[in-house]
Amino acid sequence: MRLDNKLKIAAFDTAMKSLLKNKNKYPDRTARNILESGAAVFHRNMNDDEKKNAFLHIKEKLPERDEDILAFIRDLFGSN
C-alpha cells in the first residue's frame, strides 16, 4: 500500500473516531455522516439502494466496539 493511501486511511480513522463519539446519542446522524464521509474520501459512487443498505448496516454496527466499526467501514469502502 502506498504511503499516501496509508495517510488517507489514518486521517479517515481519526475523523471516524470523532464521529463515533455521538453514536449512542445520534445513531442516524452518525451513520449518515460516516456513509457520506467514506464515499467522498474513497471516491465510492453508490446508487440509492446501495446507500440505503450501507446506511442500515452501519447503523446496525454502531453498538459494537469502535475498532470493529472502523474495520467494517474500511471493508465497506474497500480501503484495506
C-alpha atoms as a PDB file:
ATOM      1  CA  MET A   1       0.000   0.000   0.000  1.00  0.00           C
ATOM      2  CA  ARG A   2       1.311   3.417  -0.940  1.00  0.00           C
ATOM      3  CA  LEU A   3       2.197   5.970   1.695  1.00  0.00           C
ATOM      4  CA  ASP A   4      -0.495   8.424   0.574  1.00  0.00           C
ATOM      5  CA  ASN A   5      -3.141   5.700   0.941  1.00  0.00           C
ATOM      6  CA  LYS A   6      -1.878   4.860   4.424  1.00  0.00           C
ATOM      7  CA  LEU A   7      -2.055   8.529   5.397  1.00  0.00           C
ATOM      8  CA  LYS A   8      -5.553   8.858   3.923  1.00  0.00           C
ATOM      9  CA  ILE A   9      -6.752   5.858   5.930  1.00  0.00           C
ATOM     10  CA  ALA A  10      -5.133   7.143   9.138  1.00  0.00           C
ATOM     11  CA  ALA A  11      -6.788  10.547   8.699  1.00  0.00           C
ATOM     12  CA  PHE A  12     -10.104   8.886   7.882  1.00  0.00           C
ATOM     13  CA  ASP A  13      -9.871   6.691  11.013  1.00  0.00           C
ATOM     14  CA  THR A  14      -9.202   9.765  13.140  1.00  0.00           C
ATOM     15  CA  ALA A  15     -12.209  11.562  11.664  1.00  0.00           C
ATOM     16  CA  MET A  16     -14.406   8.493  12.173  1.00  0.00           C
ATOM     17  CA  LYS A  17     -13.379   8.237  15.823  1.00  0.00           C
ATOM     18  CA  SER A  18     -14.611  11.782  16.401  1.00  0.00           C
ATOM     19  CA  LEU A  19     -17.909  10.958  14.653  1.00  0.00           C
ATOM     20  CA  LEU A  20     -18.328   7.804  16.731  1.00  0.00           C
ATOM     21  CA  LYS A  21     -18.347   9.816  19.967  1.00  0.00           C
ATOM     22  CA  ASN A  22     -22.024  10.628  19.340  1.00  0.00           C
ATOM     23  CA  LYS A  23     -23.057   7.191  18.090  1.00  0.00           C
ATOM     24  CA  ASN A  24     -25.335   6.468  21.058  1.00  0.00           C
ATOM     25  CA  LYS A  25     -26.972   9.880  21.168  1.00  0.00           C
ATOM     26  CA  TYR A  26     -27.491  10.359  17.407  1.00  0.00           C
ATOM     27  CA  PRO A  27     -27.227   6.978  15.621  1.00  0.00           C
ATOM     28  CA  ASP A  28     -28.974   8.078  12.405  1.00  0.00           C
ATOM     29  CA  ARG A  29     -26.848  11.196  12.033  1.00  0.00           C
ATOM     30  CA  THR A  30     -23.671   9.288  12.856  1.00  0.00           C
ATOM     31  CA  ALA A  31     -24.396   6.562  10.293  1.00  0.00           C
ATOM     32  CA  ARG A  32     -25.266   9.128   7.618  1.00  0.00           C
ATOM     33  CA  ASN A  33     -22.114  11.175   8.274  1.00  0.00           C
ATOM     34  CA  ILE A  34     -19.930   8.061   8.161  1.00  0.00           C
ATOM     35  CA  LEU A  35     -21.516   6.998   4.885  1.00  0.00           C
ATOM     36  CA  GLU A  36     -21.122  10.409   3.268  1.00  0.00           C
ATOM     37  CA  SER A  37     -17.542  10.842   4.508  1.00  0.00           C
ATOM     38  CA  GLY A  38     -16.453   7.398   3.376  1.00  0.00           C
ATOM     39  CA  ALA A  39     -17.994   7.796  -0.056  1.00  0.00           C
ATOM     40  CA  ALA A  40     -16.285  11.163  -0.510  1.00  0.00           C
ATOM     41  CA  VAL A  41     -12.844  10.169   0.771  1.00  0.00           C
ATOM     42  CA  PHE A  42     -12.638   6.854  -1.064  1.00  0.00           C
ATOM     43  CA  HIS A  43     -14.416   8.117  -4.212  1.00  0.00           C
ATOM     44  CA  ARG A  44     -17.098   5.469  -3.997  1.00  0.00           C
ATOM     45  CA  ASN A  45     -20.167   6.175  -6.109  1.00  0.00           C
ATOM     46  CA  MET A  46     -23.251   4.461  -4.722  1.00  0.00           C
ATOM     47  CA  ASN A  47     -26.766   4.296  -6.076  1.00  0.00           C
ATOM     48  CA  ASP A  48     -29.729   4.880  -3.757  1.00  0.00           C
ATOM     49  CA  ASP A  49     -30.193   1.192  -2.918  1.00  0.00           C
ATOM     50  CA  GLU A  50     -26.506   0.780  -2.043  1.00  0.00           C
ATOM     51  CA  LYS A  51     -26.634   3.889   0.130  1.00  0.00           C
ATOM     52  CA  LYS A  52     -29.727   2.653   1.951  1.00  0.00           C
ATOM     53  CA  ASN A  53     -28.225  -0.784   2.571  1.00  0.00           C
ATOM     54  CA  ALA A  54     -24.877   0.677   3.670  1.00  0.00           C
ATOM     55  CA  PHE A  55     -26.654   3.132   6.000  1.00  0.00           C
ATOM     56  CA  LEU A  56     -28.616   0.300   7.618  1.00  0.00           C
ATOM     57  CA  HIS A  57     -25.508  -1.858   8.009  1.00  0.00           C
ATOM     58  CA  ILE A  58     -23.529   0.994   9.544  1.00  0.00           C
ATOM     59  CA  LYS A  59     -26.361   1.858  11.910  1.00  0.00           C
ATOM     60  CA  GLU A  60     -26.639  -1.807  12.893  1.00  0.00           C
ATOM     61  CA  LYS A  61     -22.903  -1.900  13.715  1.00  0.00           C
ATOM     62  CA  LEU A  62     -22.914   1.245  15.891  1.00  0.00           C
ATOM     63  CA  PRO A  63     -23.440  -0.557  19.238  1.00  0.00           C
ATOM     64  CA  GLU A  64     -20.214  -2.531  18.666  1.00  0.00           C
ATOM     65  CA  ARG A  65     -16.696  -1.520  19.684  1.00  0.00           C
ATOM     66  CA  ASP A  66     -15.230   1.414  17.754  1.00  0.00           C
ATOM     67  CA  GLU A  67     -12.391  -0.735  16.378  1.00  0.00           C
ATOM     68  CA  ASP A  68     -14.897  -3.222  14.944  1.00  0.00           C
ATOM     69  CA  ILE A  69     -16.903  -0.411  13.381  1.00  0.00           C
ATOM     70  CA  LEU A  70     -13.758   1.097  11.812  1.00  0.00           C
ATOM     71  CA  ALA A  71     -12.783  -2.274  10.345  1.00  0.00           C
ATOM     72  CA  PHE A  72     -16.286  -2.678   8.916  1.00  0.00           C
ATOM     73  CA  ILE A  73     -16.202   0.820   7.396  1.00  0.00           C
ATOM     74  CA  ARG A  74     -12.791   0.184   5.799  1.00  0.00           C
ATOM     75  CA  ASP A  75     -14.123  -3.063   4.325  1.00  0.00           C
ATOM     76  CA  LEU A  76     -17.282  -1.347   3.101  1.00  0.00           C
ATOM     77  CA  PHE A  77     -15.334   1.272   1.188  1.00  0.00           C
ATOM     78  CA  GLY A  78     -12.597  -1.107   0.051  1.00  0.00           C
ATOM     79  CA  SER A  79      -9.705   0.673   1.712  1.00  0.00           C
ATOM     80  CA  ASN A  80      -7.868  -2.418   3.042  1.00  0.00           C
END
